[in-house]
Amino acid sequence: MYGWWIMPFFGIIFLVLVLFIVSRFFGAGGYCGRPHADRDSIEDLKKEIKALSDEIRELKNKK
């Protein structure tokens, strides 16, 4: 009977661990905690696309 206090203790530790994992899973802005470096590369690609579309527009205007 004296050892039953440990079961709720393990339950609380398990719940805190699950909450931490769920917060990392959904709180990172994506699944599985993807790094935010992807956002930087997306911004770089958008800038490159903008520059290329400007070049295309200039080439069309030269004709």
C-alpha atoms as a PDB file:
ATOM      1  CA  MET A   1       0.000   0.000   0.000  1.00  0.00           C
ATOM      2  CA  TYR A   2       2.838   2.394   0.750  1.00  0.00           C
ATOM      3  CA  GLY A   3       4.209   2.258  -2.792  1.00  0.00           C
ATOM      4  CA  TRP A   4       1.032   3.370  -4.576  1.00  0.00           C
ATOM      5  CA  TRP A   5       1.986   7.046  -4.468  1.00  0.00           C
ATOM      6  CA  ILE A   6       4.518   6.405  -7.233  1.00  0.00           C
ATOM      7  CA  MET A   7       1.904   5.560  -9.888  1.00  0.00           C
ATOM      8  CA  PRO A   8       0.347   9.068  -9.985  1.00  0.00           C
ATOM      9  CA  PHE A   9       3.877  10.474  -9.996  1.00  0.00           C
ATOM     10  CA  PHE A  10       4.732   8.489 -13.149  1.00  0.00           C
ATOM     11  CA  GLY A  11       1.394   9.503 -14.659  1.00  0.00           C
ATOM     12  CA  ILE A  12       2.106  13.199 -14.150  1.00  0.00           C
ATOM     13  CA  ILE A  13       5.603  12.837 -15.624  1.00  0.00           C
ATOM     14  CA  PHE A  14       4.150  11.001 -18.630  1.00  0.00           C
ATOM     15  CA  LEU A  15       1.507  13.695 -19.205  1.00  0.00           C
ATOM     16  CA  VAL A  16       4.079  16.488 -19.020  1.00  0.00           C
ATOM     17  CA  LEU A  17       6.279  14.615 -21.485  1.00  0.00           C
ATOM     18  CA  VAL A  18       3.378  14.103 -23.910  1.00  0.00           C
ATOM     19  CA  LEU A  19       2.378  17.774 -23.658  1.00  0.00           C
ATOM     20  CA  PHE A  20       5.954  18.803 -24.407  1.00  0.00           C
ATOM     21  CA  ILE A  21       6.118  16.530 -27.470  1.00  0.00           C
ATOM     22  CA  VAL A  22       2.742  17.752 -28.756  1.00  0.00           C
ATOM     23  CA  SER A  23       3.761  21.396 -28.280  1.00  0.00           C
ATOM     24  CA  ARG A  24       6.960  20.781 -30.256  1.00  0.00           C
ATOM     25  CA  PHE A  25       5.003  18.925 -32.931  1.00  0.00           C
ATOM     26  CA  PHE A  26       2.376  21.622 -33.526  1.00  0.00           C
ATOM     27  CA  GLY A  27       4.114  24.741 -32.199  1.00  0.00           C
ATOM     28  CA  ALA A  28       7.024  24.768 -34.628  1.00  0.00           C
ATOM     29  CA  GLY A  29       4.901  26.032 -37.509  1.00  0.00           C
ATOM     30  CA  GLY A  30       4.893  22.672 -39.158  1.00  0.00           C
ATOM     31  CA  TYR A  31       5.065  18.996 -38.544  1.00  0.00           C
ATOM     32  CA  CYS A  32       7.947  17.258 -36.783  1.00  0.00           C
ATOM     33  CA  GLY A  33       9.593  20.485 -35.682  1.00  0.00           C
ATOM     34  CA  ARG A  34      11.017  21.507 -39.025  1.00  0.00           C
ATOM     35  CA  PRO A  35      13.655  24.214 -38.677  1.00  0.00           C
ATOM     36  CA  HIS A  36      12.757  27.743 -39.677  1.00  0.00           C
ATOM     37  CA  ALA A  37      15.668  27.877 -42.111  1.00  0.00           C
ATOM     38  CA  ASP A  38      13.194  26.831 -44.790  1.00  0.00           C
ATOM     39  CA  ARG A  39      11.538  30.237 -44.510  1.00  0.00           C
ATOM     40  CA  ASP A  40      14.829  31.945 -45.318  1.00  0.00           C
ATOM     41  CA  SER A  41      15.353  29.830 -48.404  1.00  0.00           C
ATOM     42  CA  ILE A  42      11.762  30.502 -49.508  1.00  0.00           C
ATOM     43  CA  GLU A  43      12.363  34.243 -49.203  1.00  0.00           C
ATOM     44  CA  ASP A  44      15.565  33.903 -51.245  1.00  0.00           C
ATOM     45  CA  LEU A  45      13.687  31.994 -53.948  1.00  0.00           C
ATOM     46  CA  LYS A  46      10.955  34.643 -54.040  1.00  0.00           C
ATOM     47  CA  LYS A  47      13.587  37.354 -54.541  1.00  0.00           C
ATOM     48  CA  GLU A  48      15.215  35.363 -57.316  1.00  0.00           C
ATOM     49  CA  ILE A  49      11.879  34.809 -59.060  1.00  0.00           C
ATOM     50  CA  LYS A  50      11.144  38.535 -58.817  1.00  0.00           C
ATOM     51  CA  ALA A  51      14.544  39.362 -60.341  1.00  0.00           C
ATOM     52  CA  LEU A  52      14.030  36.873 -63.176  1.00  0.00           C
ATOM     53  CA  SER A  53      10.552  38.187 -63.937  1.00  0.00           C
ATOM     54  CA  ASP A  54      11.988  41.717 -64.070  1.00  0.00           C
ATOM     55  CA  GLU A  55      14.635  40.536 -66.535  1.00  0.00           C
ATOM     56  CA  ILE A  56      11.976  38.876 -68.693  1.00  0.00           C
ATOM     57  CA  ARG A  57       9.928  42.063 -68.659  1.00  0.00           C
ATOM     58  CA  GLU A  58      12.991  44.087 -69.747  1.00  0.00           C
ATOM     59  CA  LEU A  59      13.725  41.649 -72.579  1.00  0.00           C
ATOM     60  CA  LYS A  60      10.146  41.862 -73.806  1.00  0.00           C
ATOM     61  CA  ASN A  61      10.280  45.659 -73.783  1.00  0.00           C
ATOM     62  CA  LYS A  62      13.476  45.690 -75.916  1.00  0.00           C
ATOM     63  CA  LYS A  63      11.699  43.940 -78.818  1.00  0.00           C
END
